[in-house]
């Protein structure tokens, strides 16, 4: 999806209300086709694709705008009271909108974003409300931090805690706020509960489960991910940029509330130099990145210590993850933004 720019009438850095045709080009049809004749360019600055790729969403004032990327139709979620923020997509193709208090919001030069929210709302691609979750305990000062749905939208996990100041925004000079989690919750069948509240019987409303606390945690949570089975949720803690580590720590929590420590390659360690950064393991081998002033090298190492070089050259690795039996790498080369080149590699055992 991209805009066809029109000449700017006045030289300036920011034209928030400039409009341009919205076009789509894809593998099935490389030639661009117009899907919407007029769209504000700022709507596309932070356009976030849905998991299917057929929808995009972004912030639109105090609500979210949802684009159908096949027809160009634009739909809006309900206008919310207070401060509302578009937070992304669920794996099951729902739009997340969070309602936050002023003291929970980070203010930057170009946009603002919440460290925590007092309410989470989820909408389908038509802009219809499907589920809403509030802080279960109802205690003053508590808010919701990270969240994650199972792929089938049957369970929602989220953290609660308090917003704390951890530093200063470098560009804006404003306080940098993060969410300090103290508990992990799970809500089973939240869509069933919303349907019951929207006109179902009292019996169905009573049978719909409420969120329940899974376990206590302590730390700034960076992300949450469900195990494919839907029986465990992995909670990963933030690693300060000033203290780069090759591994990221976390905890795996079962639906019964049992917790166990976990670790994985730190996704933010890709910029470390002069040391072996573990990218992942598969097929009995571990895969590493080593970068220095001359470039980067990606190699595998077997249990006997033998090394097998896979890639070497003057490039940087922007993304690395073992997914579905393959190591996915995104590399970038070149120093000039106009001439740099990105490549995607799939490495299999």
Protein backbone atom coordinates (compact mmCIF):
# COMPACT_ATOMS: atom_id res chain seq x y z
CA UNK A 1 0.00 0.00 0.00
CA UNK A 2 1.37 3.42 -0.90
CA UNK A 3 0.33 6.96 -1.78
CA UNK A 4 0.81 8.69 -5.12
CA UNK A 5 2.22 12.02 -3.95
CA UNK A 6 1.01 15.30 -5.34
CA UNK A 7 3.26 18.39 -5.47
CA UNK A 8 3.29 20.32 -2.20
CA UNK A 9 2.12 23.91 -2.71
CA UNK A 10 4.30 25.30 0.10
CA UNK A 11 7.72 23.99 1.18
CA UNK A 12 7.27 22.64 4.70
CA UNK A 13 8.13 19.58 6.77
CA UNK A 14 4.58 18.77 7.90
CA UNK A 15 1.27 18.77 6.03
CA UNK A 16 -1.01 16.64 8.22
CA UNK A 17 -4.08 17.12 6.01
CA UNK A 18 -2.53 16.61 2.56
CA UNK A 19 -4.38 13.97 0.57
CA UNK A 20 -3.15 11.53 -2.08
CA UNK A 21 -4.58 8.53 -3.95
CA UNK A 22 -4.18 5.23 -2.05
CA UNK A 23 -2.77 2.43 -4.21
CA UNK A 24 -2.15 -1.28 -3.79
CA UNK A 25 0.45 -3.47 -5.45
CA UNK A 26 1.02 -7.13 -4.64
CA UNK A 27 2.63 -10.34 -5.83
CA UNK A 28 -0.53 -11.37 -7.63
CA UNK A 29 -0.71 -8.02 -9.45
CA UNK A 30 2.53 -5.98 -9.47
CA UNK A 31 0.93 -3.08 -11.37
CA UNK A 32 -0.58 -0.68 -8.81
CA UNK A 33 -4.33 -0.18 -8.69
CA UNK A 34 -6.12 2.64 -6.90
CA UNK A 35 -8.25 1.50 -3.97
CA UNK A 36 -9.12 4.94 -2.62
CA UNK A 37 -9.00 8.25 -4.47
CA UNK A 38 -8.25 10.46 -1.49
CA UNK A 39 -6.48 9.60 1.75
CA UNK A 40 -4.61 11.72 4.27
CA UNK A 41 -0.91 10.95 4.07
CA UNK A 42 -0.54 11.08 7.84
CA UNK A 43 -3.02 8.16 8.09
CA UNK A 44 -0.49 5.99 6.26
CA UNK A 45 2.59 7.20 8.13
CA UNK A 46 1.97 4.61 10.85
CA UNK A 47 -0.35 2.22 8.99
CA UNK A 48 -0.29 -1.17 10.71
CA UNK A 49 -1.18 -4.26 8.66
CA UNK A 50 -3.58 -6.90 9.97
CA UNK A 51 -2.34 -10.53 10.18
CA UNK A 52 -4.09 -11.39 6.89
CA UNK A 53 -2.62 -8.33 5.17
CA UNK A 54 -5.99 -7.28 3.80
CA UNK A 55 -6.62 -4.54 6.36
CA UNK A 56 -4.64 -1.66 7.78
CA UNK A 57 -5.30 0.48 10.84
CA UNK A 58 -3.90 3.64 12.36
CA UNK A 59 -4.66 6.37 14.87
CA UNK A 60 -7.39 8.79 13.80
CA UNK A 61 -7.93 11.47 16.42
CA UNK A 62 -9.41 9.79 19.49
CA UNK A 63 -10.17 6.47 17.79
CA UNK A 64 -8.81 4.02 15.23
CA UNK A 65 -9.29 4.09 11.47
CA UNK A 66 -9.53 0.74 9.67
CA UNK A 67 -8.84 0.51 5.93
CA UNK A 68 -10.09 -2.33 3.76
CA UNK A 69 -7.08 -2.64 1.46
CA UNK A 70 -9.12 -4.39 -1.24
CA UNK A 71 -11.83 -1.77 -1.61
CA UNK A 72 -10.26 1.31 0.01
CA UNK A 73 -13.21 1.66 2.39
CA UNK A 74 -12.36 3.44 5.63
CA UNK A 75 -14.15 2.52 8.86
CA UNK A 76 -13.86 4.18 12.26
CA UNK A 77 -14.17 2.74 15.73
CA UNK A 78 -16.40 4.58 18.19
CA UNK A 79 -15.12 7.88 19.54
CA UNK A 80 -13.85 7.30 23.06
CA UNK A 81 -13.97 9.65 26.04
CA UNK A 82 -10.59 10.76 27.33
CA UNK A 83 -7.34 9.70 25.68
CA UNK A 84 -7.66 6.75 23.29
CA UNK A 85 -4.80 5.06 21.41
CA UNK A 86 -4.63 2.49 18.61
CA UNK A 87 -2.39 -0.28 20.00
CA UNK A 88 -2.20 -2.82 17.18
CA UNK A 89 -3.87 -6.01 15.95
CA UNK A 90 -4.70 -9.28 17.63
CA UNK A 91 -3.65 -12.49 15.89
CA UNK A 92 -7.35 -13.09 15.24
CA UNK A 93 -7.74 -9.87 13.20
CA UNK A 94 -9.12 -7.50 15.84
CA UNK A 95 -8.08 -3.88 16.41
CA UNK A 96 -6.96 -2.91 19.93
CA UNK A 97 -7.72 0.53 21.36
CA UNK A 98 -6.56 1.57 24.83
CA UNK A 99 -8.00 4.29 27.06
CA UNK A 100 -5.39 5.96 29.25
CA UNK A 101 -5.06 8.69 31.83
CA UNK A 102 -2.82 11.67 31.10
CA UNK A 103 -0.24 10.64 33.70
CA UNK A 104 0.18 7.26 31.92
CA UNK A 105 1.09 8.74 28.52
CA UNK A 106 4.52 9.25 26.97
CA UNK A 107 4.68 12.43 24.90
CA UNK A 108 7.17 12.55 22.03
CA UNK A 109 7.89 15.08 19.31
CA UNK A 110 5.82 13.34 16.62
CA UNK A 111 3.31 11.24 18.56
CA UNK A 112 2.26 10.10 22.02
CA UNK A 113 1.78 6.56 23.32
CA UNK A 114 0.60 5.09 26.63
CA UNK A 115 2.77 3.13 29.04
CA UNK A 116 -0.40 1.65 30.56
CA UNK A 117 -4.15 1.82 29.97
CA UNK A 118 -7.18 1.62 32.25
CA UNK A 119 -9.31 -0.05 29.58
CA UNK A 120 -8.64 -2.23 26.53
CA UNK A 121 -11.22 -2.44 23.73
CA UNK A 122 -11.12 -4.81 20.76
CA UNK A 123 -12.99 -4.18 17.50
CA UNK A 124 -13.52 -6.33 14.44
CA UNK A 125 -12.57 -5.08 10.96
CA UNK A 126 -16.00 -3.45 10.61
CA UNK A 127 -15.35 -1.28 13.67
CA UNK A 128 -17.76 -3.21 15.90
CA UNK A 129 -16.83 -3.62 19.57
CA UNK A 130 -16.16 -7.31 20.36
CA UNK A 131 -14.60 -7.25 23.85
CA UNK A 132 -13.53 -4.85 26.57
CA UNK A 133 -11.34 -5.53 29.60
CA UNK A 134 -10.88 -3.29 32.64
CA UNK A 135 -8.35 -3.57 35.46
CA UNK A 136 -9.81 -6.59 37.32
CA UNK A 137 -8.88 -5.50 40.85
CA UNK A 138 -10.27 -1.99 40.41
CA UNK A 139 -7.55 -0.55 42.66
CA UNK A 140 -6.63 3.08 42.13
CA UNK A 141 -3.34 3.61 40.29
CA UNK A 142 -3.30 0.17 38.63
CA UNK A 143 -3.39 -0.16 34.87
CA UNK A 144 -3.09 -2.76 32.10
CA UNK A 145 0.28 -3.15 30.40
CA UNK A 146 1.02 -5.87 27.84
CA UNK A 147 -1.55 -8.24 26.35
CA UNK A 148 -1.75 -11.20 23.96
CA UNK A 149 -4.57 -13.22 22.39
CA UNK A 150 -4.44 -16.86 21.39
CA UNK A 151 -4.69 -17.24 17.58
CA UNK A 152 -8.31 -18.41 17.84
CA UNK A 153 -9.33 -15.46 20.08
CA UNK A 154 -10.42 -17.86 22.83
CA UNK A 155 -8.09 -16.50 25.55
CA UNK A 156 -6.69 -13.08 26.37
CA UNK A 157 -3.66 -12.75 28.66
CA UNK A 158 -2.61 -9.39 30.07
CA UNK A 159 -0.51 -7.82 32.81
CA UNK A 160 -1.53 -5.34 35.46
CA UNK A 161 0.71 -3.05 37.49
CA UNK A 162 1.74 0.58 37.79
CA UNK A 163 3.33 3.10 35.46
CA UNK A 164 6.79 4.20 36.62
CA UNK A 165 9.30 6.74 35.39
CA UNK A 166 12.48 5.13 34.05
CA UNK A 167 14.28 8.04 32.41
CA UNK A 168 13.83 10.86 29.91
CA UNK A 169 12.73 10.79 26.25
CA UNK A 170 15.95 11.77 24.42
CA UNK A 171 14.32 13.86 21.68
CA UNK A 172 11.45 15.51 23.56
CA UNK A 173 13.08 15.80 26.99
CA UNK A 174 9.87 14.54 28.62
CA UNK A 175 9.67 11.76 31.26
CA UNK A 176 10.02 8.22 29.87
CA UNK A 177 7.29 6.05 31.38
CA UNK A 178 7.10 2.25 31.44
CA UNK A 179 4.69 -0.26 32.91
CA UNK A 180 5.93 -2.17 35.98
CA UNK A 181 3.92 -5.40 36.00
CA UNK A 182 2.99 -7.23 39.20
CA UNK A 183 0.46 -9.81 37.94
CA UNK A 184 -0.54 -11.81 34.87
CA UNK A 185 -4.22 -12.49 34.18
CA UNK A 186 -6.12 -14.64 31.71
CA UNK A 187 -9.62 -14.11 30.36
CA UNK A 188 -11.16 -17.18 28.78
CA UNK A 189 -14.00 -16.80 26.24
CA UNK A 190 -14.07 -12.98 26.37
CA UNK A 191 -16.00 -12.79 23.09
CA UNK A 192 -18.70 -15.01 24.57
CA UNK A 193 -19.04 -12.65 27.49
CA UNK A 194 -19.35 -9.61 25.22
CA UNK A 195 -22.08 -11.33 23.18
CA UNK A 196 -23.93 -12.16 26.38
CA UNK A 197 -23.65 -8.58 27.61
CA UNK A 198 -24.93 -7.31 24.25
CA UNK A 199 -28.27 -9.08 24.44
CA UNK A 200 -27.79 -12.68 25.50
CA UNK A 201 -29.66 -14.34 28.31
CA UNK A 202 -28.81 -13.80 31.98
CA UNK A 203 -27.81 -17.46 32.17
CA UNK A 204 -25.29 -17.10 29.31
CA UNK A 205 -23.93 -13.91 30.86
CA UNK A 206 -23.46 -15.64 34.20
CA UNK A 207 -21.71 -18.59 32.57
CA UNK A 208 -19.19 -16.38 30.78
CA UNK A 209 -15.93 -16.43 32.71
CA UNK A 210 -14.31 -13.34 34.21
CA UNK A 211 -10.57 -12.63 34.12
CA UNK A 212 -8.61 -14.59 36.72
CA UNK A 213 -5.14 -14.03 38.07
CA UNK A 214 -2.62 -16.58 36.83
CA UNK A 215 0.53 -15.59 38.68
CA UNK A 216 2.48 -12.75 40.24
CA UNK A 217 5.43 -11.29 38.34
CA UNK A 218 7.79 -8.40 38.92
CA UNK A 219 9.40 -6.38 36.18
CA UNK A 220 8.89 -4.31 33.06
CA UNK A 221 7.32 -6.67 30.52
CA UNK A 222 8.34 -6.16 26.90
CA UNK A 223 6.12 -8.74 25.23
CA UNK A 224 3.79 -11.69 25.78
CA UNK A 225 3.33 -14.70 23.51
CA UNK A 226 1.07 -17.73 23.70
CA UNK A 227 2.42 -21.21 23.11
CA UNK A 228 0.78 -22.70 19.97
CA UNK A 229 -1.11 -25.15 22.21
CA UNK A 230 -2.82 -22.30 24.07
CA UNK A 231 -1.87 -23.92 27.38
CA UNK A 232 1.05 -21.63 28.28
CA UNK A 233 1.82 -17.93 27.95
CA UNK A 234 5.41 -16.67 27.79
CA UNK A 235 6.17 -13.33 29.44
CA UNK A 236 9.42 -11.62 28.34
CA UNK A 237 11.05 -8.85 30.38
CA UNK A 238 12.59 -5.65 29.09
CA UNK A 239 16.38 -5.49 28.79
CA UNK A 240 17.71 -1.92 29.20
CA UNK A 241 19.58 -0.66 26.15
CA UNK A 242 22.34 0.60 28.43
CA UNK A 243 22.89 -2.98 29.64
CA UNK A 244 22.96 -5.11 26.46
CA UNK A 245 22.85 -8.83 27.14
CA UNK A 246 22.94 -11.74 24.70
CA UNK A 247 19.91 -13.34 26.39
CA UNK A 248 16.46 -12.10 27.35
CA UNK A 249 14.84 -13.53 30.47
CA UNK A 250 11.21 -14.41 30.95
CA UNK A 251 8.75 -16.74 32.58
CA UNK A 252 6.35 -19.37 31.19
CA UNK A 253 2.99 -19.57 32.98
CA UNK A 254 0.52 -22.41 32.57
CA UNK A 255 -3.26 -22.06 32.78
CA UNK A 256 -2.98 -23.69 36.20
CA UNK A 257 -0.73 -20.83 37.34
CA UNK A 258 2.55 -22.76 37.44
CA UNK A 259 5.52 -20.56 36.48
CA UNK A 260 8.99 -21.53 35.25
CA UNK A 261 11.94 -19.38 34.20
CA UNK A 262 12.89 -19.13 30.53
CA UNK A 263 15.48 -17.40 28.36
CA UNK A 264 15.95 -16.76 24.67
CA UNK A 265 18.29 -14.81 22.39
CA UNK A 266 17.88 -11.12 23.10
CA UNK A 267 16.26 -9.53 20.01
CA UNK A 268 17.97 -6.24 20.91
CA UNK A 269 21.45 -7.78 21.01
CA UNK A 270 21.81 -7.82 17.23
CA UNK A 271 23.82 -4.60 17.40
CA UNK A 272 26.42 -6.02 19.80
CA UNK A 273 29.93 -6.21 18.35
CA UNK A 274 32.94 -8.45 18.86
CA UNK A 275 30.98 -11.26 20.50
CA UNK A 276 28.90 -14.24 19.40
CA UNK A 277 25.17 -13.43 19.60
CA UNK A 278 22.93 -16.50 19.72
CA UNK A 279 20.15 -16.24 17.10
CA UNK A 280 18.44 -19.54 17.87
CA UNK A 281 18.72 -23.31 17.72
CA UNK A 282 17.24 -25.95 15.42
CA UNK A 283 18.19 -29.30 13.98
CA UNK A 284 20.76 -29.94 16.72
CA UNK A 285 22.76 -26.81 15.86
CA UNK A 286 22.99 -23.32 17.31
CA UNK A 287 23.07 -20.29 15.04
CA UNK A 288 25.15 -17.19 15.81
CA UNK A 289 25.87 -13.69 14.56
CA UNK A 290 29.22 -12.02 15.01
CA UNK A 291 29.72 -8.39 13.92
CA UNK A 292 32.78 -6.18 13.93
CA UNK A 293 34.09 -3.13 12.08
CA UNK A 294 34.60 -5.14 8.90
CA UNK A 295 31.07 -6.56 8.64
CA UNK A 296 28.99 -9.46 9.90
CA UNK A 297 29.16 -13.22 9.87
CA UNK A 298 26.32 -15.72 10.43
CA UNK A 299 27.36 -19.26 11.25
CA UNK A 300 26.12 -22.51 12.79
CA UNK A 301 27.82 -24.57 15.47
CA UNK A 302 27.16 -28.25 16.16
CA UNK A 303 27.46 -29.99 19.58
CA UNK A 304 31.06 -31.02 18.77
CA UNK A 305 32.07 -27.37 18.32
CA UNK A 306 32.39 -27.48 14.54
CA UNK A 307 31.40 -24.23 12.83
CA UNK A 308 29.67 -23.83 9.45
CA UNK A 309 29.71 -20.39 7.83
CA UNK A 310 26.42 -19.37 6.23
CA UNK A 311 26.71 -15.64 5.43
CA UNK A 312 29.54 -13.14 5.52
CA UNK A 313 29.81 -9.59 4.25
CA UNK A 314 29.27 -5.90 4.91
CA UNK A 315 25.71 -6.02 6.21
CA UNK A 316 23.74 -5.52 9.40
CA UNK A 317 21.12 -7.92 10.74
CA UNK A 318 17.88 -6.10 11.57
CA UNK A 319 15.78 -9.16 12.47
CA UNK A 320 16.47 -12.79 13.36
CA UNK A 321 14.09 -15.46 14.62
CA UNK A 322 13.68 -19.24 14.42
CA UNK A 323 10.13 -19.79 13.21
CA UNK A 324 8.48 -22.99 11.97
CA UNK A 325 11.70 -24.86 11.40
CA UNK A 326 13.65 -22.07 9.68
CA UNK A 327 15.90 -19.21 10.72
CA UNK A 328 14.47 -15.99 9.29
CA UNK A 329 17.03 -13.22 8.75
CA UNK A 330 16.53 -9.67 7.48
CA UNK A 331 19.79 -7.94 6.57
CA UNK A 332 20.55 -4.40 5.45
CA UNK A 333 23.59 -3.12 3.57
CA UNK A 334 24.72 0.33 2.49
CA UNK A 335 25.20 3.55 4.41
CA UNK A 336 23.12 5.88 2.24
CA UNK A 337 19.33 5.55 2.91
CA UNK A 338 18.72 6.06 -0.81
CA UNK A 339 20.96 3.19 -1.88
CA UNK A 340 20.79 0.73 1.03
CA UNK A 341 19.40 -2.70 0.28
CA UNK A 342 17.52 -5.18 2.45
CA UNK A 343 17.41 -8.94 1.95
CA UNK A 344 15.36 -11.69 3.57
CA UNK A 345 16.95 -15.11 4.13
CA UNK A 346 15.32 -18.40 5.15
CA UNK A 347 17.92 -20.81 6.52
CA UNK A 348 16.84 -24.42 7.12
CA UNK A 349 18.84 -27.20 8.82
